[in-house]
């Protein structure tokens, strides 16, 4: 399976919705979407990860880079409803304590 990335804007926050697998081959697409969104978002970026079936270390590195970019631009960076497989990777890397993580209503 590939990767689907969609972007929407709501009240100054850009939400990037990700579906599929984030790996060495697809993470550059996600990186591009995040790096493009951070400077254009008025208040911050949300990355919705409920549709991600698999994420490897390159995907985690992409999220860390987005987090750093947002912080440098004084913007919020939030992971929204990560799938169980994504949460497992974040917990193993102990990044669940670094990222702001929200569950979508």
C-alpha atoms as a PDB file:
ATOM      1  CA  UNK A   1       0.000   0.000   0.000  1.00  0.00           C
ATOM      2  CA  UNK A   2       1.155   3.542  -0.688  1.00  0.00           C
ATOM      3  CA  UNK A   3       0.568   6.747   1.175  1.00  0.00           C
ATOM      4  CA  UNK A   4      -2.327   9.198   0.963  1.00  0.00           C
ATOM      5  CA  UNK A   5      -1.834  12.695   2.317  1.00  0.00           C
ATOM      6  CA  UNK A   6      -4.543  15.331   2.555  1.00  0.00           C
ATOM      7  CA  UNK A   7      -4.417  18.839   3.991  1.00  0.00           C
ATOM      8  CA  UNK A   8      -7.249  20.942   5.397  1.00  0.00           C
ATOM      9  CA  UNK A   9      -7.297  24.249   7.259  1.00  0.00           C
ATOM     10  CA  UNK A  10      -9.491  25.179  10.217  1.00  0.00           C
ATOM     11  CA  UNK A  11      -9.151  28.356  12.268  1.00  0.00           C
ATOM     12  CA  UNK A  12      -5.452  28.838  11.526  1.00  0.00           C
ATOM     13  CA  UNK A  13      -4.455  25.224  12.029  1.00  0.00           C
ATOM     14  CA  UNK A  14      -3.411  23.063   9.098  1.00  0.00           C
ATOM     15  CA  UNK A  15      -4.330  19.399   9.489  1.00  0.00           C
ATOM     16  CA  UNK A  16      -2.375  16.849   7.508  1.00  0.00           C
ATOM     17  CA  UNK A  17      -4.281  13.576   7.295  1.00  0.00           C
ATOM     18  CA  UNK A  18      -2.103  10.565   6.591  1.00  0.00           C
ATOM     19  CA  UNK A  19      -3.249   7.103   5.473  1.00  0.00           C
ATOM     20  CA  UNK A  20      -1.226   4.045   4.546  1.00  0.00           C
ATOM     21  CA  UNK A  21       2.378   3.167   5.305  1.00  0.00           C
ATOM     22  CA  UNK A  22       5.058   5.667   6.266  1.00  0.00           C
ATOM     23  CA  UNK A  23       8.411   4.125   5.460  1.00  0.00           C
ATOM     24  CA  UNK A  24      11.732   4.894   3.788  1.00  0.00           C
ATOM     25  CA  UNK A  25      10.021   5.266   0.409  1.00  0.00           C
ATOM     26  CA  UNK A  26       6.990   7.337   1.429  1.00  0.00           C
ATOM     27  CA  UNK A  27       8.317   9.440   4.304  1.00  0.00           C
ATOM     28  CA  UNK A  28       9.796  12.076   1.910  1.00  0.00           C
ATOM     29  CA  UNK A  29       6.219  12.833   0.762  1.00  0.00           C
ATOM     30  CA  UNK A  30       5.073  13.315   4.347  1.00  0.00           C
ATOM     31  CA  UNK A  31       8.162  15.393   5.115  1.00  0.00           C
ATOM     32  CA  UNK A  32       7.401  17.656   2.166  1.00  0.00           C
ATOM     33  CA  UNK A  33       3.788  18.153   3.305  1.00  0.00           C
ATOM     34  CA  UNK A  34       4.839  18.986   6.870  1.00  0.00           C
ATOM     35  CA  UNK A  35       7.700  21.295   5.936  1.00  0.00           C
ATOM     36  CA  UNK A  36       5.420  23.145   3.506  1.00  0.00           C
ATOM     37  CA  UNK A  37       2.614  23.438   6.090  1.00  0.00           C
ATOM     38  CA  UNK A  38       4.581  24.743   9.075  1.00  0.00           C
ATOM     39  CA  UNK A  39       5.449  28.233   7.777  1.00  0.00           C
ATOM     40  CA  UNK A  40       2.025  28.765   6.178  1.00  0.00           C
ATOM     41  CA  UNK A  41      -0.074  27.715   9.199  1.00  0.00           C
ATOM     42  CA  UNK A  42      -1.238  30.652  11.285  1.00  0.00           C
ATOM     43  CA  UNK A  43      -1.167  28.830  14.607  1.00  0.00           C
ATOM     44  CA  UNK A  44       0.038  25.283  14.072  1.00  0.00           C
ATOM     45  CA  UNK A  45       0.036  21.922  12.369  1.00  0.00           C
ATOM     46  CA  UNK A  46      -1.859  18.778  13.286  1.00  0.00           C
ATOM     47  CA  UNK A  47      -0.831  15.442  11.819  1.00  0.00           C
ATOM     48  CA  UNK A  48      -3.733  12.970  11.874  1.00  0.00           C
ATOM     49  CA  UNK A  49      -2.326   9.453  12.007  1.00  0.00           C
ATOM     50  CA  UNK A  50      -5.321   7.182  12.663  1.00  0.00           C
ATOM     51  CA  UNK A  51      -5.102   5.787   9.117  1.00  0.00           C
ATOM     52  CA  UNK A  52      -1.416   4.864   9.297  1.00  0.00           C
ATOM     53  CA  UNK A  53      -1.007   1.101   9.301  1.00  0.00           C
ATOM     54  CA  UNK A  54       2.790   1.053   9.566  1.00  0.00           C
ATOM     55  CA  UNK A  55       5.528   3.546  10.409  1.00  0.00           C
ATOM     56  CA  UNK A  56       9.253   2.898  10.506  1.00  0.00           C
ATOM     57  CA  UNK A  57      12.110   4.996  11.878  1.00  0.00           C
ATOM     58  CA  UNK A  58      12.175   7.238   8.806  1.00  0.00           C
ATOM     59  CA  UNK A  59       8.574   8.203   9.542  1.00  0.00           C
ATOM     60  CA  UNK A  60       9.453   8.935  13.150  1.00  0.00           C
ATOM     61  CA  UNK A  61      12.387  11.076  11.978  1.00  0.00           C
ATOM     62  CA  UNK A  62       9.993  12.978   9.714  1.00  0.00           C
ATOM     63  CA  UNK A  63       7.683  13.733  12.651  1.00  0.00           C
ATOM     64  CA  UNK A  64      10.639  14.853  14.784  1.00  0.00           C
ATOM     65  CA  UNK A  65      11.795  17.165  11.995  1.00  0.00           C
ATOM     66  CA  UNK A  66       8.284  18.622  11.751  1.00  0.00           C
ATOM     67  CA  UNK A  67       8.188  19.116  15.518  1.00  0.00           C
ATOM     68  CA  UNK A  68      11.518  20.959  15.447  1.00  0.00           C
ATOM     69  CA  UNK A  69      10.453  23.102  12.498  1.00  0.00           C
ATOM     70  CA  UNK A  70       7.213  24.064  14.234  1.00  0.00           C
ATOM     71  CA  UNK A  71       9.044  24.938  17.428  1.00  0.00           C
ATOM     72  CA  UNK A  72      11.529  27.107  15.498  1.00  0.00           C
ATOM     73  CA  UNK A  73       8.560  28.907  13.902  1.00  0.00           C
ATOM     74  CA  UNK A  74       6.694  29.261  17.244  1.00  0.00           C
ATOM     75  CA  UNK A  75       3.849  27.040  16.045  1.00  0.00           C
ATOM     76  CA  UNK A  76       2.017  24.142  17.696  1.00  0.00           C
ATOM     77  CA  UNK A  77       2.721  20.649  16.375  1.00  0.00           C
ATOM     78  CA  UNK A  78       0.187  18.017  17.411  1.00  0.00           C
ATOM     79  CA  UNK A  79      -0.203  14.353  16.529  1.00  0.00           C
ATOM     80  CA  UNK A  80      -3.893  13.494  16.333  1.00  0.00           C
ATOM     81  CA  UNK A  81      -5.250  10.016  17.093  1.00  0.00           C
ATOM     82  CA  UNK A  82      -2.180   7.954  16.195  1.00  0.00           C
ATOM     83  CA  UNK A  83      -3.022   4.374  15.258  1.00  0.00           C
ATOM     84  CA  UNK A  84      -1.978   1.593  17.633  1.00  0.00           C
ATOM     85  CA  UNK A  85       1.026   0.723  15.460  1.00  0.00           C
ATOM     86  CA  UNK A  86       2.209   4.352  15.385  1.00  0.00           C
ATOM     87  CA  UNK A  87       1.769   4.699  19.165  1.00  0.00           C
ATOM     88  CA  UNK A  88       3.833   1.559  19.676  1.00  0.00           C
ATOM     89  CA  UNK A  89       6.718   3.017  17.655  1.00  0.00           C
ATOM     90  CA  UNK A  90       6.468   6.363  19.478  1.00  0.00           C
ATOM     91  CA  UNK A  91       6.430   4.616  22.853  1.00  0.00           C
ATOM     92  CA  UNK A  92       9.440   2.459  21.949  1.00  0.00           C
ATOM     93  CA  UNK A  93      11.347   5.599  20.981  1.00  0.00           C
ATOM     94  CA  UNK A  94      10.007   7.334  24.129  1.00  0.00           C
ATOM     95  CA  UNK A  95       8.644  10.112  21.940  1.00  0.00           C
ATOM     96  CA  UNK A  96       5.126   9.780  23.313  1.00  0.00           C
ATOM     97  CA  UNK A  97       6.361  12.048  26.112  1.00  0.00           C
ATOM     98  CA  UNK A  98       7.837  14.578  23.657  1.00  0.00           C
ATOM     99  CA  UNK A  99       5.001  15.054  21.175  1.00  0.00           C
ATOM    100  CA  UNK A 100       1.688  16.630  22.038  1.00  0.00           C
ATOM    101  CA  UNK A 101      -0.787  13.848  21.271  1.00  0.00           C
ATOM    102  CA  UNK A 102      -4.557  14.361  21.114  1.00  0.00           C
ATOM    103  CA  UNK A 103      -7.425  11.992  20.485  1.00  0.00           C
ATOM    104  CA  UNK A 104      -9.924  13.278  17.937  1.00  0.00           C
ATOM    105  CA  UNK A 105     -13.489  13.572  19.214  1.00  0.00           C
END
